[in-house]
Amino acid sequence: MYRYNATEKLAITPGVQYWDDLGFASDADQWRGGLTVDYKITPDLASRASMQYTNRDIGADTEELVGGFVRLQRDF
């Protein structure tokens, strides 16, 4: 995983994964790509947004999934 600190408050982390054999089918593979963005709003308040795209091939069938989350965290 690679994290790029664009500024003192902003960090961007891309990620890619690949699975050749998912274990339940001999001709199944999957890959996933995503991006996470962290932003420090104040010294005790930070936000994180993440988005992932997944492509799963099982034989002739293909599934495409998109997911993500937004997180707001305050430290005491």
Foldseek 3Di string as FASTA:
>chain_A
DDWDPPDPFKIKDKDKDKACDPPPANRKIKMKIKMKMKGAPDPFKIKMKMKMWMWIDHPPDIDIDIDIDIDIGGDD
